[in-house]
Amino acid sequence: METVDGYLLDTNIISILARPSDAKYPGISANFQAIHQGPVFLPVIAIAEIEFGMMLSSASNEEQKRALRNFFAQYPHHLPIDDNTIEPYAMIRAQLWREHGTRKRRRYGDPMLDWYWYSIA
């Protein structure tokens, strides 16, 4: 198996680094700049989660969408999901959920959200 040096950013870190107005931005950005040596990888699933959030949010605006998409373009190494990554992704996500996840209040009545919450419950 080939190994690659670099940094894999998760959804939360991408969201913070792409929004300088976020209260956590100064600390996260400083840490990122201090350790940032080598390529940065963005998982396609994280990009999709952020795009999904923007489409769901009524507060999302075009300027914010443009800024996020510019951030994605700034780091062009996007890691795809394929048959070889599904099970490891699911195992890691399940472990993180068990150790750090919290139950969020569920919104009823939206078929897509009902399906989503049903699938992760």
Protein backbone atom coordinates (compact mmCIF):
# COMPACT_ATOMS: atom_id res chain seq x y z
CA MET A 1 0.00 0.00 0.00
CA GLU A 2 1.31 3.41 -0.96
CA THR A 3 1.51 6.10 1.72
CA VAL A 4 1.26 9.82 1.12
CA ASP A 5 2.40 12.62 3.39
CA GLY A 6 0.08 15.56 3.79
CA TYR A 7 -2.95 16.76 5.67
CA LEU A 8 -6.50 15.49 5.42
CA LEU A 9 -9.00 18.12 6.56
CA ASP A 10 -12.38 17.15 7.95
CA THR A 11 -15.67 18.98 7.43
CA ASN A 12 -15.42 21.07 10.60
CA ILE A 13 -11.88 22.29 9.89
CA ILE A 14 -12.71 23.08 6.26
CA SER A 15 -15.77 25.07 7.37
CA ILE A 16 -13.74 27.10 9.87
CA LEU A 17 -10.77 27.74 7.56
CA ALA A 18 -13.10 28.85 4.78
CA ARG A 19 -14.87 31.39 7.02
CA PRO A 20 -12.51 33.97 8.56
CA SER A 21 -15.51 35.43 10.42
CA ASP A 22 -15.81 32.23 12.50
CA ALA A 23 -14.80 32.77 16.14
CA LYS A 24 -12.55 29.69 15.99
CA TYR A 25 -10.77 30.86 12.81
CA PRO A 26 -7.76 32.63 14.43
CA GLY A 27 -6.72 29.60 16.48
CA ILE A 28 -7.41 26.97 13.82
CA SER A 29 -5.76 29.08 11.11
CA ALA A 30 -2.64 29.67 13.25
CA ASN A 31 -2.33 25.95 13.98
CA PHE A 32 -2.86 25.08 10.34
CA GLN A 33 -0.25 27.58 9.15
CA ALA A 34 2.25 26.32 11.75
CA ILE A 35 2.02 22.68 10.64
CA HIS A 36 1.11 23.12 6.98
CA GLN A 37 3.94 21.48 5.09
CA GLY A 38 3.01 19.29 2.18
CA PRO A 39 -0.20 18.78 0.28
CA VAL A 40 -3.65 19.31 1.77
CA PHE A 41 -6.37 16.82 0.92
CA LEU A 42 -10.10 17.51 1.02
CA PRO A 43 -12.40 14.48 1.08
CA VAL A 44 -15.13 14.72 -1.53
CA ILE A 45 -17.63 13.60 1.11
CA ALA A 46 -16.72 16.64 3.26
CA ILE A 47 -17.16 18.97 0.28
CA ALA A 48 -20.54 17.35 -0.41
CA GLU A 49 -21.60 17.75 3.25
CA ILE A 50 -20.73 21.46 3.14
CA GLU A 51 -22.55 21.95 -0.17
CA PHE A 52 -25.56 20.12 1.30
CA GLY A 53 -25.51 22.41 4.33
CA MET A 54 -25.38 25.49 2.13
CA MET A 55 -28.34 24.27 0.10
CA LEU A 56 -30.35 23.53 3.24
CA SER A 57 -29.60 26.82 4.95
CA SER A 58 -31.87 29.73 4.31
CA ALA A 59 -29.14 32.02 5.71
CA SER A 60 -26.59 30.92 3.10
CA ASN A 61 -25.74 33.61 0.57
CA GLU A 62 -23.97 33.69 -2.77
CA GLU A 63 -20.87 35.43 -1.38
CA GLN A 64 -20.46 32.71 1.25
CA LYS A 65 -20.93 29.98 -1.38
CA ARG A 66 -18.35 31.63 -3.62
CA ALA A 67 -15.86 31.89 -0.74
CA LEU A 68 -16.27 28.22 0.13
CA ARG A 69 -15.91 27.12 -3.48
CA ASN A 70 -12.78 29.28 -3.81
CA PHE A 71 -11.41 27.53 -0.74
CA PHE A 72 -12.10 24.13 -2.33
CA ALA A 73 -10.27 25.27 -5.47
CA GLN A 74 -7.31 26.50 -3.41
CA TYR A 75 -6.70 22.87 -2.34
CA PRO A 76 -7.23 20.82 -5.51
CA HIS A 77 -6.37 17.41 -4.03
CA HIS A 78 -9.91 16.07 -3.58
CA LEU A 79 -10.06 12.48 -2.35
CA PRO A 80 -12.92 10.51 -3.91
CA ILE A 81 -15.13 7.89 -2.33
CA ASP A 82 -15.02 4.54 -4.06
CA ASP A 83 -15.61 0.89 -3.24
CA ASN A 84 -12.25 0.72 -1.45
CA THR A 85 -13.03 3.61 0.87
CA ILE A 86 -16.64 2.96 1.86
CA GLU A 87 -16.02 0.45 4.64
CA PRO A 88 -12.99 2.25 6.20
CA TYR A 89 -14.94 5.54 6.07
CA ALA A 90 -17.95 3.93 7.73
CA MET A 91 -15.79 2.31 10.43
CA ILE A 92 -13.94 5.55 11.23
CA ARG A 93 -17.13 7.62 11.21
CA ALA A 94 -18.92 5.11 13.46
CA GLN A 95 -16.02 5.10 15.92
CA LEU A 96 -15.90 8.92 15.98
CA TRP A 97 -19.70 9.04 16.41
CA ARG A 98 -19.61 6.58 19.33
CA GLU A 99 -16.77 8.47 21.03
CA HIS A 100 -17.68 12.08 20.27
CA GLY A 101 -21.12 12.26 18.66
CA THR A 102 -24.14 13.93 20.11
CA ARG A 103 -27.75 13.46 19.27
CA LYS A 104 -29.12 16.48 17.46
CA ARG A 105 -32.74 17.49 17.62
CA ARG A 106 -34.47 15.93 14.67
CA ARG A 107 -36.72 17.94 12.39
CA TYR A 108 -39.80 15.96 11.45
CA GLY A 109 -41.80 16.35 8.32
CA ASP A 110 -39.01 16.68 5.78
CA PRO A 111 -38.77 13.32 3.94
CA MET A 112 -35.12 13.80 3.02
CA LEU A 113 -34.08 14.70 6.56
CA ASP A 114 -36.26 11.90 7.96
CA TRP A 115 -34.45 9.46 5.67
CA TYR A 116 -31.05 10.90 6.63
CA TRP A 117 -31.69 10.66 10.37
CA TYR A 118 -33.16 7.18 9.98
CA SER A 119 -30.06 6.06 8.09
CA ILE A 120 -27.62 7.26 10.77
CA ALA A 121 -29.68 6.40 13.86
